[in-house]
């Protein structure tokens, strides 16, 4: 026997009302992050998926990329190489094999790159050109528990390395045999090394081969959500970053086909000399840090400890929050006091003096 159509209509109405009430409750609980003045750029609300444990006990995730890796490959201690970013040093070698690439000012509007190598330690090619170190570069490298690799340094940098007995390989003072000069380039833009030689140097110096490596927070695709946090994003397919007004512009353009950003410098793709491929990043973090000029040589102090405003670019969109270093670990992105998992893949961190709109260090568009 069929039910009367009147009762079926009542059931449908009740289901509809119940669904609307649940949607209304969910929207009421969502939190929107307000980072700056409202703009005319298209926005949308998304959900942040907290870090998840992998359900596959045999799968090992690399600590600085969140990508699947061999357990043996991720037990090795990280290596942080100070790489020359002057225009005469480009294209550099080996940057596309770094798990994390950090760019920060050195002197005279010229930046330094800190390349963190950990999970891709099968790379056997050249790395460089290698350049000098500064106290804040030491701080950045040590945040990954890395052995520091450089050629020279500021007086304050050497003082920290020697008095605090840091693990470092310096071409000038203690590890010259683990570097070489490329005669096809002019000094000082021609000093190179490799992971194989650096591993030999680490063993020779009797530095720890393994370390309690800090694990960055990454989302795991396909895992269930819980304690999700709502946040507002803007379209950001093209990013323009000026570390200083007189510095070369860095651009990131989103490649929707591959789900990552292609890096450009001075209007050209930033290419790795070893494989002739453009540098790419799944996550681009623009972080604000206090910069102070210390002397007539233009040496800087950069506060890479305290934290501050941050913009996270991924999937062609920008999210707004803050950066934080928990227990002295790597820079991570935070919203409403919660560390937010990055997307698995390579991360580029751009350290700028300000993220205020009037300073215009960082711009983006659809």
Protein backbone atom coordinates (compact mmCIF):
# COMPACT_ATOMS: atom_id res chain seq x y z
CA UNK A 1 0.00 0.00 0.00
CA UNK A 2 1.38 3.48 -0.91
CA UNK A 3 1.53 6.31 1.62
CA UNK A 4 -0.57 9.39 0.84
CA UNK A 5 1.36 12.06 -1.00
CA UNK A 6 0.56 14.53 1.82
CA UNK A 7 2.74 12.56 4.30
CA UNK A 8 5.62 12.27 1.85
CA UNK A 9 5.59 16.05 1.49
CA UNK A 10 5.75 16.49 5.27
CA UNK A 11 8.83 14.20 5.47
CA UNK A 12 10.63 16.12 2.71
CA UNK A 13 9.88 19.42 4.45
CA UNK A 14 11.24 18.15 7.77
CA UNK A 15 14.45 16.90 6.10
CA UNK A 16 14.91 20.25 4.36
CA UNK A 17 14.42 22.23 7.59
CA UNK A 18 16.84 19.95 9.46
CA UNK A 19 19.50 20.38 6.74
CA UNK A 20 19.12 24.17 6.79
CA UNK A 21 19.48 24.26 10.58
CA UNK A 22 22.70 22.22 10.44
CA UNK A 23 24.18 24.45 7.73
CA UNK A 24 23.26 27.57 9.74
CA UNK A 25 24.91 26.15 12.87
CA UNK A 26 28.09 25.27 10.99
CA UNK A 27 28.32 28.75 9.47
CA UNK A 28 27.80 30.32 12.91
CA UNK A 29 30.78 28.37 14.30
CA UNK A 30 33.20 29.27 11.45
CA UNK A 31 36.03 31.68 12.21
CA UNK A 32 37.15 34.24 9.63
CA UNK A 33 40.71 35.58 9.82
CA UNK A 34 40.93 39.32 9.18
CA UNK A 35 44.50 40.20 8.24
CA UNK A 36 44.28 43.57 6.53
CA UNK A 37 41.79 46.07 5.19
CA UNK A 38 39.10 44.57 2.99
CA UNK A 39 40.12 44.58 -0.68
CA UNK A 40 38.22 44.27 -3.92
CA UNK A 41 39.97 40.99 -4.75
CA UNK A 42 37.75 37.90 -4.91
CA UNK A 43 37.67 36.00 -1.63
CA UNK A 44 36.37 32.66 -0.56
CA UNK A 45 36.10 30.71 2.67
CA UNK A 46 38.06 27.48 2.93
CA UNK A 47 38.75 24.94 5.63
CA UNK A 48 42.15 24.20 7.09
CA UNK A 49 42.73 20.48 7.56
CA UNK A 50 44.86 19.79 10.65
CA UNK A 51 47.89 17.54 10.52
CA UNK A 52 46.97 13.85 10.37
CA UNK A 53 48.86 10.70 11.14
CA UNK A 54 49.28 8.45 8.11
CA UNK A 55 47.15 5.31 8.24
CA UNK A 56 49.90 3.30 6.55
CA UNK A 57 52.49 2.30 9.19
CA UNK A 58 54.99 1.45 6.42
CA UNK A 59 54.83 4.91 4.86
CA UNK A 60 57.37 7.43 6.12
CA UNK A 61 56.86 11.14 5.51
CA UNK A 62 59.82 13.47 5.03
CA UNK A 63 59.88 16.00 7.91
CA UNK A 64 60.29 19.13 5.76
CA UNK A 65 58.10 18.23 2.76
CA UNK A 66 55.44 15.85 4.07
CA UNK A 67 56.04 13.63 1.03
CA UNK A 68 56.50 9.88 1.14
CA UNK A 69 60.15 8.89 1.48
CA UNK A 70 62.38 5.99 2.35
CA UNK A 71 63.03 5.77 6.09
CA UNK A 72 66.79 5.65 5.50
CA UNK A 73 66.60 8.83 3.42
CA UNK A 74 65.02 10.90 6.18
CA UNK A 75 67.17 9.77 9.10
CA UNK A 76 70.15 11.76 7.89
CA UNK A 77 70.90 15.09 9.53
CA UNK A 78 69.85 18.15 7.47
CA UNK A 79 72.43 20.35 5.75
CA UNK A 80 71.92 24.11 5.35
CA UNK A 81 73.96 25.70 2.53
CA UNK A 82 74.40 29.48 2.22
CA UNK A 83 73.98 30.14 -1.51
CA UNK A 84 75.03 33.23 -3.42
CA UNK A 85 72.10 35.04 -5.05
CA UNK A 86 73.93 37.87 -6.79
CA UNK A 87 73.01 38.08 -10.48
CA UNK A 88 76.53 36.95 -11.51
CA UNK A 89 75.99 33.76 -9.48
CA UNK A 90 72.86 32.71 -11.36
CA UNK A 91 71.87 30.19 -12.46
CA UNK A 92 72.81 28.40 -9.26
CA UNK A 93 73.24 24.66 -8.92
CA UNK A 94 71.19 22.20 -6.88
CA UNK A 95 68.49 24.55 -5.56
CA UNK A 96 65.64 22.45 -6.98
CA UNK A 97 66.74 19.55 -4.74
CA UNK A 98 66.35 21.49 -1.48
CA UNK A 99 63.33 20.65 0.68
CA UNK A 100 63.10 24.27 1.84
CA UNK A 101 64.54 27.42 0.24
CA UNK A 102 64.73 30.61 2.32
CA UNK A 103 65.52 34.03 0.86
CA UNK A 104 66.55 36.94 3.09
CA UNK A 105 68.52 40.16 2.62
CA UNK A 106 72.27 40.28 3.20
CA UNK A 107 73.77 43.69 2.29
CA UNK A 108 73.24 46.32 -0.39
CA UNK A 109 69.87 45.00 -1.49
CA UNK A 110 71.43 41.62 -2.38
CA UNK A 111 69.83 38.56 -0.84
CA UNK A 112 71.18 35.28 0.40
CA UNK A 113 69.54 31.89 -0.09
CA UNK A 114 69.53 29.25 2.64
CA UNK A 115 68.96 25.85 1.02
CA UNK A 116 67.89 23.07 3.40
CA UNK A 117 68.77 19.56 2.15
CA UNK A 118 67.34 16.53 3.89
CA UNK A 119 65.02 14.11 2.09
CA UNK A 120 66.55 14.33 -1.41
CA UNK A 121 70.00 13.24 -0.30
CA UNK A 122 70.36 11.02 -3.37
CA UNK A 123 71.22 14.16 -5.35
CA UNK A 124 74.85 13.81 -6.49
CA UNK A 125 75.34 17.05 -8.42
CA UNK A 126 76.86 20.41 -7.54
CA UNK A 127 75.50 22.89 -5.00
CA UNK A 128 76.36 26.57 -5.07
CA UNK A 129 77.89 29.03 -5.50
CA UNK A 130 78.47 29.01 -1.74
CA UNK A 131 78.78 32.32 0.14
CA UNK A 132 79.21 33.73 3.65
CA UNK A 133 77.12 33.43 6.78
CA UNK A 134 75.51 35.87 9.22
CA UNK A 135 74.06 35.40 12.75
CA UNK A 136 70.46 35.27 11.49
CA UNK A 137 71.47 32.77 8.81
CA UNK A 138 72.93 30.61 11.56
CA UNK A 139 69.61 30.88 13.39
CA UNK A 140 67.65 29.84 10.30
CA UNK A 141 69.90 26.86 9.56
CA UNK A 142 69.87 25.71 13.17
CA UNK A 143 66.07 25.83 13.27
CA UNK A 144 66.21 22.69 11.10
CA UNK A 145 68.99 21.14 13.27
CA UNK A 146 71.25 21.38 10.23
CA UNK A 147 75.00 21.40 9.76
CA UNK A 148 75.87 24.89 8.47
CA UNK A 149 77.78 25.20 5.18
CA UNK A 150 79.34 28.49 4.06
CA UNK A 151 82.44 30.35 2.86
CA UNK A 152 83.42 33.07 5.30
CA UNK A 153 81.18 35.12 7.52
CA UNK A 154 80.70 38.33 9.44
CA UNK A 155 82.75 38.85 12.65
CA UNK A 156 79.62 38.25 14.74
CA UNK A 157 78.86 35.14 12.72
CA UNK A 158 82.30 33.65 13.33
CA UNK A 159 82.07 34.51 17.01
CA UNK A 160 78.83 32.55 17.36
CA UNK A 161 80.11 29.57 15.37
CA UNK A 162 83.34 29.25 17.34
CA UNK A 163 82.34 30.23 20.85
CA UNK A 164 79.13 28.19 20.81
CA UNK A 165 80.76 25.23 19.03
CA UNK A 166 78.25 25.08 16.20
CA UNK A 167 78.43 22.28 13.61
CA UNK A 168 79.72 24.06 10.48
CA UNK A 169 81.80 23.48 7.37
CA UNK A 170 83.54 26.68 6.25
CA UNK A 171 85.61 26.69 3.05
CA UNK A 172 87.88 29.38 4.48
CA UNK A 173 88.59 28.27 8.03
CA UNK A 174 87.96 24.56 8.59
CA UNK A 175 86.76 22.58 5.55
CA UNK A 176 88.40 23.82 2.36
CA UNK A 177 88.95 20.35 0.90
CA UNK A 178 85.19 19.74 0.68
CA UNK A 179 84.69 22.59 -1.81
CA UNK A 180 86.02 23.40 -5.28
CA UNK A 181 86.25 26.34 -7.69
CA UNK A 182 84.60 26.32 -11.11
CA UNK A 183 87.11 27.93 -13.49
CA UNK A 184 84.38 28.87 -15.95
CA UNK A 185 83.10 31.49 -13.50
CA UNK A 186 84.72 34.45 -11.79
CA UNK A 187 85.38 34.46 -8.06
CA UNK A 188 83.70 34.84 -5.65
CA UNK A 189 80.76 33.45 -7.61
CA UNK A 190 82.37 30.10 -8.43
CA UNK A 191 82.64 28.11 -5.19
CA UNK A 192 80.78 24.79 -5.13
CA UNK A 193 80.29 21.69 -3.05
CA UNK A 194 78.10 18.55 -3.10
CA UNK A 195 76.15 16.49 -0.61
CA UNK A 196 78.67 13.66 -0.97
CA UNK A 197 81.60 15.89 -0.05
CA UNK A 198 79.68 17.55 2.75
CA UNK A 199 78.78 14.17 4.24
CA UNK A 200 82.49 13.32 4.17
CA UNK A 201 83.24 16.59 5.96
CA UNK A 202 80.58 15.95 8.59
CA UNK A 203 82.06 12.51 9.30
CA UNK A 204 85.59 13.92 9.42
CA UNK A 205 84.59 16.62 11.90
CA UNK A 206 82.74 14.00 13.95
CA UNK A 207 79.54 16.01 13.95
CA UNK A 208 76.39 14.08 14.78
CA UNK A 209 75.18 12.15 11.72
CA UNK A 210 71.64 11.99 13.08
CA UNK A 211 69.68 14.51 15.09
CA UNK A 212 66.27 14.92 16.69
CA UNK A 213 64.87 16.62 13.61
CA UNK A 214 61.90 18.98 14.08
CA UNK A 215 58.91 17.82 12.03
CA UNK A 216 56.97 20.47 10.14
CA UNK A 217 53.20 20.23 9.98
CA UNK A 218 51.68 18.98 6.71
CA UNK A 219 48.16 17.95 5.73
CA UNK A 220 47.62 14.41 4.49
CA UNK A 221 45.37 14.06 1.46
CA UNK A 222 42.38 11.79 1.87
CA UNK A 223 42.36 11.73 5.68
CA UNK A 224 39.28 12.71 7.66
CA UNK A 225 38.90 16.27 8.92
CA UNK A 226 38.53 17.22 12.56
CA UNK A 227 38.77 20.48 14.48
CA UNK A 228 38.81 22.32 11.16
CA UNK A 229 39.21 26.12 11.17
CA UNK A 230 37.57 28.37 8.60
CA UNK A 231 39.66 31.09 6.97
CA UNK A 232 39.37 33.61 4.15
CA UNK A 233 41.57 33.55 1.04
CA UNK A 234 42.11 35.71 -2.01
CA UNK A 235 43.04 34.79 -5.57
CA UNK A 236 46.82 34.90 -5.98
CA UNK A 237 47.99 33.37 -9.24
CA UNK A 238 50.82 35.90 -9.59
CA UNK A 239 52.96 37.07 -6.66
CA UNK A 240 55.50 39.90 -6.79
CA UNK A 241 58.03 40.33 -3.96
CA UNK A 242 60.55 43.13 -3.50
CA UNK A 243 62.84 42.56 -0.54
CA UNK A 244 63.92 46.21 -0.96
CA UNK A 245 62.81 48.87 -3.42
CA UNK A 246 66.15 48.67 -5.24
CA UNK A 247 66.37 44.87 -5.20
CA UNK A 248 65.55 42.56 -8.09
CA UNK A 249 61.89 41.59 -8.17
CA UNK A 250 61.02 38.00 -7.36
CA UNK A 251 57.86 36.62 -8.90
CA UNK A 252 55.91 33.41 -8.45
CA UNK A 253 53.38 32.37 -11.08
CA UNK A 254 50.92 29.60 -10.35
CA UNK A 255 50.94 26.56 -12.64
CA UNK A 256 47.49 25.00 -12.26
CA UNK A 257 48.51 21.94 -14.26
CA UNK A 258 51.15 20.96 -11.70
CA UNK A 259 49.66 22.62 -8.63
CA UNK A 260 52.73 24.70 -7.74
CA UNK A 261 54.35 28.08 -8.26
CA UNK A 262 57.15 28.77 -10.77
CA UNK A 263 59.80 31.17 -9.48
CA UNK A 264 61.08 34.14 -11.52
CA UNK A 265 63.88 36.63 -10.79
CA UNK A 266 64.31 39.91 -12.69
CA UNK A 267 61.66 38.84 -15.18
CA UNK A 268 63.19 35.46 -16.05
CA UNK A 269 62.52 31.97 -14.80
CA UNK A 270 64.89 31.11 -11.96
CA UNK A 271 66.52 27.98 -13.35
CA UNK A 272 68.63 25.28 -11.70
CA UNK A 273 71.86 25.01 -13.72
CA UNK A 274 72.09 21.27 -13.05
CA UNK A 275 68.79 20.23 -14.65
CA UNK A 276 67.82 23.40 -16.57
CA UNK A 277 64.42 23.36 -14.86
CA UNK A 278 62.71 26.32 -13.23
CA UNK A 279 62.52 26.35 -9.43
CA UNK A 280 59.05 25.47 -8.14
CA UNK A 281 57.32 25.56 -4.78
CA UNK A 282 54.01 24.16 -3.55
CA UNK A 283 54.03 26.57 -0.59
CA UNK A 284 55.32 30.15 -0.71
CA UNK A 285 55.45 31.85 2.69
CA UNK A 286 56.01 35.61 2.83
CA UNK A 287 56.94 36.50 6.41
CA UNK A 288 57.56 39.85 8.06
CA UNK A 289 60.67 40.31 10.21
CA UNK A 290 62.33 43.35 11.75
CA UNK A 291 65.47 44.45 9.84
CA UNK A 292 68.14 46.73 11.32
CA UNK A 293 71.35 48.07 9.71
CA UNK A 294 74.28 47.45 12.07
CA UNK A 295 77.29 49.21 10.52
CA UNK A 296 78.70 51.22 7.60
CA UNK A 297 79.25 48.00 5.65
CA UNK A 298 75.47 47.59 5.60
CA UNK A 299 75.42 44.41 7.68
CA UNK A 300 71.98 43.60 8.97
CA UNK A 301 70.29 42.19 11.99
CA UNK A 302 67.13 40.32 11.04
CA UNK A 303 64.78 39.07 13.74
CA UNK A 304 63.95 35.51 12.65
CA UNK A 305 62.89 34.47 16.16
CA UNK A 306 60.03 36.65 17.42
CA UNK A 307 57.42 35.93 14.75
CA UNK A 308 55.05 38.29 12.97
CA UNK A 309 52.63 38.64 10.10
CA UNK A 310 52.67 36.09 7.30
CA UNK A 311 50.95 35.32 4.01
CA UNK A 312 50.68 31.72 2.81
CA UNK A 313 50.38 31.27 -0.95
CA UNK A 314 49.27 27.88 -2.27
CA UNK A 315 46.89 26.53 -4.90
CA UNK A 316 46.78 29.95 -6.53
CA UNK A 317 45.36 31.63 -3.43
CA UNK A 318 46.60 33.68 -0.47
CA UNK A 319 45.78 33.08 3.20
CA UNK A 320 46.63 35.51 5.99
CA UNK A 321 47.96 34.84 9.46
CA UNK A 322 51.23 34.85 11.38
CA UNK A 323 54.48 32.93 11.48
CA UNK A 324 55.83 31.25 14.55
CA UNK A 325 58.79 29.10 15.58
CA UNK A 326 57.81 26.60 18.23
CA UNK A 327 60.63 25.53 20.57
CA UNK A 328 63.18 27.07 18.23
CA UNK A 329 62.05 24.94 15.28
CA UNK A 330 61.39 25.96 11.67
CA UNK A 331 59.13 28.81 10.61
CA UNK A 332 55.52 27.65 10.42
CA UNK A 333 52.24 29.32 9.51
CA UNK A 334 49.66 30.08 12.19
CA UNK A 335 46.04 31.22 12.21
CA UNK A 336 44.12 32.13 15.37
CA UNK A 337 46.93 30.71 17.52
CA UNK A 338 46.98 27.33 15.73
CA UNK A 339 49.82 26.07 13.53
CA UNK A 340 48.34 25.27 10.13
CA UNK A 341 49.56 22.27 8.12
CA UNK A 342 51.21 23.22 4.84
CA UNK A 343 50.55 21.31 1.63
CA UNK A 344 53.04 18.47 1.04
CA UNK A 345 55.90 19.55 -1.21
CA UNK A 346 58.72 22.07 -1.46
CA UNK A 347 58.39 25.31 0.52
CA UNK A 348 59.95 28.69 -0.29
CA UNK A 349 60.13 31.25 2.53
CA UNK A 350 60.56 34.92 1.64
CA UNK A 351 61.61 37.14 4.57
CA UNK A 352 60.64 40.78 4.03
CA UNK A 353 60.93 43.93 6.20
CA UNK A 354 57.18 44.59 6.17
CA UNK A 355 53.84 43.22 5.01
CA UNK A 356 52.04 46.54 5.46
CA UNK A 357 50.11 47.55 2.35
CA UNK A 358 51.84 50.94 2.15
CA UNK A 359 55.27 49.32 1.98
CA UNK A 360 54.31 47.19 -1.03
CA UNK A 361 56.97 44.49 -0.47
CA UNK A 362 54.47 41.80 -1.43
CA UNK A 363 51.74 42.12 -4.06
CA UNK A 364 49.52 39.54 -5.74
CA UNK A 365 46.81 39.32 -8.35
CA UNK A 366 44.52 36.77 -10.00
